[in-house]
Amino acid sequence: MLSTMLKTSLGRFRAVALLEGVSYLLLFGVTMPLKYMADMPGPNKVVGMTHGVLSVVYVAMLIDVTLANKWSLSRAFVALVASLVPFGAFVLEWWLRKEEASAALQRAEAQ
């Protein structure tokens, strides 16, 4: 499943969206409480940097997918906002996976 996901730019974007979503939840759900409640800033620095890098990669891949698939600006904006909302990246990935499966089924029926 993962190998087929990584074959297309949309699939790679979906994978990065999942990773970015996980890093977001770890940052706000685990490492920030550790930093402010347990006075342990170390994990927050590591996860924060990882999340920052993944966010930059997410935006770069979003631009690539938007251009490659001729997405509208409003669709790209929704994908951008999804990265800012807790669990938004997971909802976006689910939606894109569903859409990709539907498109594959339509291509198969057309042949």
C-alpha atoms as a PDB file:
ATOM      1  CA  MET A   1       0.000   0.000   0.000  1.00  0.00           C
ATOM      2  CA  LEU A   2       2.733   2.483   0.937  1.00  0.00           C
ATOM      3  CA  SER A   3       4.740   1.780  -2.203  1.00  0.00           C
ATOM      4  CA  THR A   4       1.741   2.538  -4.419  1.00  0.00           C
ATOM      5  CA  MET A   5       1.019   5.670  -2.392  1.00  0.00           C
ATOM      6  CA  LEU A   6       4.492   7.065  -3.024  1.00  0.00           C
ATOM      7  CA  LYS A   7       4.352   6.617  -6.818  1.00  0.00           C
ATOM      8  CA  THR A   8       2.402   9.815  -7.494  1.00  0.00           C
ATOM      9  CA  SER A   9       2.871  13.386  -6.338  1.00  0.00           C
ATOM     10  CA  LEU A  10      -0.596  13.260  -4.784  1.00  0.00           C
ATOM     11  CA  GLY A  11       0.301  10.080  -2.922  1.00  0.00           C
ATOM     12  CA  ARG A  12       3.531  11.600  -1.624  1.00  0.00           C
ATOM     13  CA  PHE A  13       1.590  14.672  -0.528  1.00  0.00           C
ATOM     14  CA  ARG A  14      -0.871  12.449   1.341  1.00  0.00           C
ATOM     15  CA  ALA A  15       2.034  10.713   3.117  1.00  0.00           C
ATOM     16  CA  VAL A  16       3.566  14.050   4.127  1.00  0.00           C
ATOM     17  CA  ALA A  17       0.140  15.242   5.297  1.00  0.00           C
ATOM     18  CA  LEU A  18      -0.087  12.238   7.627  1.00  0.00           C
ATOM     19  CA  LEU A  19       3.413  12.805   8.994  1.00  0.00           C
ATOM     20  CA  GLU A  20       2.752  16.514   9.463  1.00  0.00           C
ATOM     21  CA  GLY A  21      -0.513  15.728  11.250  1.00  0.00           C
ATOM     22  CA  VAL A  22       1.190  13.295  13.615  1.00  0.00           C
ATOM     23  CA  SER A  23       3.955  15.786  14.390  1.00  0.00           C
ATOM     24  CA  TYR A  24       1.338  18.474  15.074  1.00  0.00           C
ATOM     25  CA  LEU A  25      -0.502  16.267  17.554  1.00  0.00           C
ATOM     26  CA  LEU A  26       2.741  15.197  19.240  1.00  0.00           C
ATOM     27  CA  LEU A  27       3.831  18.799  19.535  1.00  0.00           C
ATOM     28  CA  PHE A  28       0.642  20.090  21.111  1.00  0.00           C
ATOM     29  CA  GLY A  29      -0.521  16.943  22.875  1.00  0.00           C
ATOM     30  CA  VAL A  30       2.744  15.612  24.316  1.00  0.00           C
ATOM     31  CA  THR A  31       5.789  17.839  24.138  1.00  0.00           C
ATOM     32  CA  MET A  32       4.216  21.212  24.972  1.00  0.00           C
ATOM     33  CA  PRO A  33       2.627  19.828  28.163  1.00  0.00           C
ATOM     34  CA  LEU A  34       6.010  18.305  29.025  1.00  0.00           C
ATOM     35  CA  LYS A  35       7.672  21.663  28.457  1.00  0.00           C
ATOM     36  CA  TYR A  36       5.264  23.762  30.476  1.00  0.00           C
ATOM     37  CA  MET A  37       4.017  21.309  33.117  1.00  0.00           C
ATOM     38  CA  ALA A  38       7.099  19.155  33.722  1.00  0.00           C
ATOM     39  CA  ASP A  39       9.814  21.679  32.823  1.00  0.00           C
ATOM     40  CA  MET A  40      11.203  19.364  30.095  1.00  0.00           C
ATOM     41  CA  PRO A  41      11.910  21.557  27.039  1.00  0.00           C
ATOM     42  CA  GLY A  42      14.118  19.024  25.210  1.00  0.00           C
ATOM     43  CA  PRO A  43      11.386  16.939  23.520  1.00  0.00           C
ATOM     44  CA  ASN A  44       9.572  20.094  22.439  1.00  0.00           C
ATOM     45  CA  LYS A  45      12.671  21.365  20.645  1.00  0.00           C
ATOM     46  CA  VAL A  46      13.101  18.128  18.692  1.00  0.00           C
ATOM     47  CA  VAL A  47       9.437  17.649  17.807  1.00  0.00           C
ATOM     48  CA  GLY A  48       9.025  21.371  17.144  1.00  0.00           C
ATOM     49  CA  MET A  49      11.892  21.389  14.656  1.00  0.00           C
ATOM     50  CA  THR A  50      10.591  18.219  13.003  1.00  0.00           C
ATOM     51  CA  HIS A  51       7.125  19.714  12.739  1.00  0.00           C
ATOM     52  CA  GLY A  52       8.563  22.913  11.260  1.00  0.00           C
ATOM     53  CA  VAL A  53      10.467  21.015   8.587  1.00  0.00           C
ATOM     54  CA  LEU A  54       7.417  18.870   7.782  1.00  0.00           C
ATOM     55  CA  SER A  55       5.271  22.006   7.522  1.00  0.00           C
ATOM     56  CA  VAL A  56       7.642  23.527   4.978  1.00  0.00           C
ATOM     57  CA  VAL A  57       7.708  20.255   3.003  1.00  0.00           C
ATOM     58  CA  TYR A  58       3.888  20.127   3.203  1.00  0.00           C
ATOM     59  CA  VAL A  59       3.559  23.598   1.674  1.00  0.00           C
ATOM     60  CA  ALA A  60       6.134  22.845  -1.043  1.00  0.00           C
ATOM     61  CA  MET A  61       4.365  19.608  -1.939  1.00  0.00           C
ATOM     62  CA  LEU A  62       0.994  21.361  -1.843  1.00  0.00           C
ATOM     63  CA  ILE A  63       2.252  23.815  -4.461  1.00  0.00           C
ATOM     64  CA  ASP A  64       3.542  20.900  -6.572  1.00  0.00           C
ATOM     65  CA  VAL A  65       0.269  18.952  -6.314  1.00  0.00           C
ATOM     66  CA  THR A  66      -1.788  22.080  -7.008  1.00  0.00           C
ATOM     67  CA  LEU A  67       0.121  22.768 -10.210  1.00  0.00           C
ATOM     68  CA  ALA A  68       0.356  19.131 -11.337  1.00  0.00           C
ATOM     69  CA  ASN A  69      -3.335  18.405 -10.788  1.00  0.00           C
ATOM     70  CA  LYS A  70      -4.603  21.874 -11.749  1.00  0.00           C
ATOM     71  CA  TRP A  71      -6.314  22.421  -8.411  1.00  0.00           C
ATOM     72  CA  SER A  72      -8.249  25.626  -7.898  1.00  0.00           C
ATOM     73  CA  LEU A  73      -6.879  28.194  -5.478  1.00  0.00           C
ATOM     74  CA  SER A  74      -9.789  27.565  -3.145  1.00  0.00           C
ATOM     75  CA  ARG A  75      -8.996  23.842  -3.017  1.00  0.00           C
ATOM     76  CA  ALA A  76      -5.329  24.565  -2.337  1.00  0.00           C
ATOM     77  CA  PHE A  77      -6.357  27.027   0.369  1.00  0.00           C
ATOM     78  CA  VAL A  78      -8.522  24.366   2.050  1.00  0.00           C
ATOM     79  CA  ALA A  79      -5.536  21.986   1.983  1.00  0.00           C
ATOM     80  CA  LEU A  80      -3.351  24.692   3.507  1.00  0.00           C
ATOM     81  CA  VAL A  81      -5.868  25.415   6.281  1.00  0.00           C
ATOM     82  CA  ALA A  82      -6.120  21.661   6.978  1.00  0.00           C
ATOM     83  CA  SER A  83      -2.495  21.715   8.106  1.00  0.00           C
ATOM     84  CA  LEU A  84      -3.307  24.389  10.694  1.00  0.00           C
ATOM     85  CA  VAL A  85      -6.291  22.680  12.307  1.00  0.00           C
ATOM     86  CA  PRO A  86      -5.841  19.750  14.716  1.00  0.00           C
ATOM     87  CA  PHE A  87      -6.764  16.530  12.876  1.00  0.00           C
ATOM     88  CA  GLY A  88      -7.219  18.555   9.661  1.00  0.00           C
ATOM     89  CA  ALA A  89      -4.372  16.774   7.874  1.00  0.00           C
ATOM     90  CA  PHE A  90      -5.985  13.412   8.648  1.00  0.00           C
ATOM     91  CA  VAL A  91      -9.358  14.536   7.283  1.00  0.00           C
ATOM     92  CA  LEU A  92      -7.638  15.927   4.181  1.00  0.00           C
ATOM     93  CA  GLU A  93      -5.720  12.672   3.628  1.00  0.00           C
ATOM     94  CA  TRP A  94      -8.924  10.635   3.981  1.00  0.00           C
ATOM     95  CA  TRP A  95     -10.718  12.908   1.517  1.00  0.00           C
ATOM     96  CA  LEU A  96      -7.868  12.762  -1.019  1.00  0.00           C
ATOM     97  CA  ARG A  97      -7.573   8.963  -0.691  1.00  0.00           C
ATOM     98  CA  LYS A  98     -11.306   8.593  -1.286  1.00  0.00           C
ATOM     99  CA  GLU A  99     -11.134  10.933  -4.273  1.00  0.00           C
ATOM    100  CA  GLU A 100      -8.098   9.138  -5.714  1.00  0.00           C
ATOM    101  CA  ALA A 101      -9.852   5.753  -5.407  1.00  0.00           C
ATOM    102  CA  SER A 102     -12.932   7.138  -7.132  1.00  0.00           C
ATOM    103  CA  ALA A 103     -10.821   8.522  -9.998  1.00  0.00           C
ATOM    104  CA  ALA A 104      -9.022   5.175 -10.366  1.00  0.00           C
ATOM    105  CA  LEU A 105     -12.376   3.372 -10.541  1.00  0.00           C
ATOM    106  CA  GLN A 106     -13.613   5.769 -13.216  1.00  0.00           C
ATOM    107  CA  ARG A 107     -10.434   5.220 -15.258  1.00  0.00           C
ATOM    108  CA  ALA A 108     -10.830   1.452 -14.958  1.00  0.00           C
ATOM    109  CA  GLU A 109     -14.478   1.618 -16.065  1.00  0.00           C
ATOM    110  CA  ALA A 110     -13.529   3.794 -19.047  1.00  0.00           C
ATOM    111  CA  GLN A 111     -11.113   1.168 -20.345  1.00  0.00           C
END
